[in-house]
Protein backbone atom coordinates (compact mmCIF):
# COMPACT_ATOMS: atom_id res chain seq x y z
CA MET A 1 -16.05 12.62 33.34
CA ASN A 2 -18.93 12.02 31.47
CA ALA A 3 -20.34 8.74 30.54
CA ASP A 4 -19.41 8.66 26.81
CA LEU A 5 -15.93 8.71 28.09
CA ILE A 6 -16.09 6.13 30.54
CA ASP A 7 -17.49 3.60 27.76
CA GLU A 8 -14.63 4.47 25.26
CA PHE A 9 -11.98 4.28 27.94
CA ALA A 10 -13.90 0.70 29.14
CA VAL A 11 -14.19 -0.35 25.66
CA LEU A 12 -10.25 0.00 25.14
CA LEU A 13 -9.56 -1.32 28.53
CA PHE A 14 -11.31 -4.45 28.51
CA GLN A 15 -12.15 -5.49 24.78
CA ALA A 16 -8.87 -4.33 23.37
CA PRO A 17 -6.59 -6.95 25.24
CA LEU A 18 -9.09 -9.90 24.13
CA VAL A 19 -8.83 -8.79 20.51
CA MET A 20 -4.86 -8.77 21.14
CA SER A 21 -4.90 -12.04 22.43
CA SER A 22 -7.33 -13.83 19.75
CA ARG A 23 -5.00 -12.44 16.79
CA MET A 24 -2.00 -13.50 18.81
CA GLN A 25 -3.98 -17.44 18.39
CA ASP A 26 -4.27 -16.93 14.82
CA PHE A 27 -0.75 -15.83 14.12
CA ALA A 28 0.46 -18.87 15.85
CA PHE A 29 -2.23 -21.04 13.90
CA ALA A 30 -1.55 -19.93 10.55
CA GLY A 31 2.48 -18.67 11.56
CA VAL A 32 3.10 -15.05 11.26
CA LEU A 33 4.44 -15.46 7.89
CA GLY A 34 1.65 -18.11 6.88
CA GLY A 35 -1.58 -16.97 5.20
CA SER A 36 -3.04 -14.82 7.81
CA ASN A 37 -4.21 -11.53 6.80
CA GLU A 38 -4.52 -10.14 10.16
CA MET A 39 -1.14 -8.58 10.30
CA GLY A 40 -1.76 -6.45 7.43
CA ARG A 41 -5.31 -5.73 8.33
CA MET A 42 -3.85 -4.82 12.20
CA VAL A 43 -1.59 -2.07 10.77
CA THR A 44 -4.17 -0.37 8.23
CA GLU A 45 -6.73 -0.49 10.86
CA LYS A 46 -4.34 1.39 13.34
CA VAL A 47 -3.43 3.91 10.60
CA ALA A 48 -7.18 4.73 9.46
CA ALA A 49 -8.21 4.85 13.06
CA ALA A 50 -5.24 7.65 14.27
CA PHE A 51 -5.84 9.50 10.57
CA GLU A 52 -9.90 9.28 11.58
CA SER A 53 -8.98 10.31 15.07
CA GLY A 54 -7.34 13.58 14.48
CA ALA A 55 -9.95 14.70 12.09
CA ALA A 56 -12.46 14.00 14.75
CA VAL A 57 -10.55 15.58 17.34
CA ASN A 58 -10.04 18.60 15.18
CA VAL A 59 -13.90 19.04 14.20
CA ALA A 60 -14.59 18.50 18.08
CA LEU A 61 -12.12 21.31 18.69
CA VAL A 62 -13.59 23.47 16.42
CA LYS A 63 -17.27 23.05 17.75
CA GLU A 64 -16.05 23.94 21.40
CA GLY A 65 -14.85 26.81 19.86
CA ILE A 66 -17.35 27.78 18.54
CA ALA A 67 -19.66 27.24 21.72
CA THR A 68 -17.03 28.97 23.94
CA ALA A 69 -17.00 32.20 21.36
CA ALA A 70 -20.89 31.87 21.09
CA ALA A 71 -20.77 31.73 25.23
CA PHE A 72 -18.56 34.67 25.82
CA ALA A 73 -20.81 36.70 23.08
CA THR A 74 -23.90 35.83 24.94
CA GLY A 75 -22.74 36.04 28.37
CA THR A 76 -24.13 32.47 29.49
CA PHE A 77 -21.46 29.87 30.06
CA ALA A 78 -23.33 26.68 30.44
CA GLY A 79 -22.42 23.73 28.40
CA MET A 80 -18.61 24.64 28.59
CA ALA A 81 -17.96 22.35 31.50
CA GLY A 82 -16.86 18.78 29.92
CA ALA A 83 -15.27 20.33 26.76
CA SER A 84 -12.26 18.48 27.53
CA ASP A 85 -14.38 15.24 27.76
CA ARG A 86 -15.87 15.50 24.60
CA VAL A 87 -12.86 16.63 22.60
CA ALA A 88 -11.51 13.29 24.12
CA VAL A 89 -14.64 11.03 23.44
CA ALA A 90 -14.30 12.36 20.01
CA ALA A 91 -10.48 11.13 19.58
CA LEU A 92 -11.29 7.75 21.78
CA ILE A 93 -14.23 6.82 19.24
CA PRO A 94 -12.30 5.59 16.25
CA TYR A 95 -10.40 3.29 18.31
CA GLY A 96 -13.08 1.98 20.30
CA LYS A 97 -15.39 1.44 16.94
CA ARG A 98 -12.81 -0.93 15.39
CA VAL A 99 -11.85 -2.67 18.81
CA ARG A 100 -15.70 -3.44 18.76
CA ALA A 101 -15.77 -4.56 15.39
CA ASN A 102 -12.54 -6.92 15.95
CA MET A 103 -14.13 -8.32 19.02
CA ARG A 104 -17.42 -9.23 17.17
CA ARG A 105 -15.22 -10.80 13.58
CA LEU A 106 -12.92 -12.42 15.88
CA SER A 107 -15.08 -14.52 18.14
CA GLU A 108 -16.77 -15.98 15.80
């Protein structure tokens, strides 16, 4: 497992629950149906992250496919190890980016 993958998992493991608890406090103080725009923001961020993640995975898979084809053509297979980690990192980055931004914004 590479360091980038560990970093992205760590963000989701440690910071996401803090963001969720901050949002729950906001809902409690503002009232779920009240003046909080956090609910709408939360939903739109997740949808945007899902689309961005899907696109990033597709790009990463194409890059890995090109690298694999080049490796077969040249007979050098160096760099093929860790392909699944690189694709997983591409999938997690959009979520981690939003969690980090929410952590900064909600901790102010």
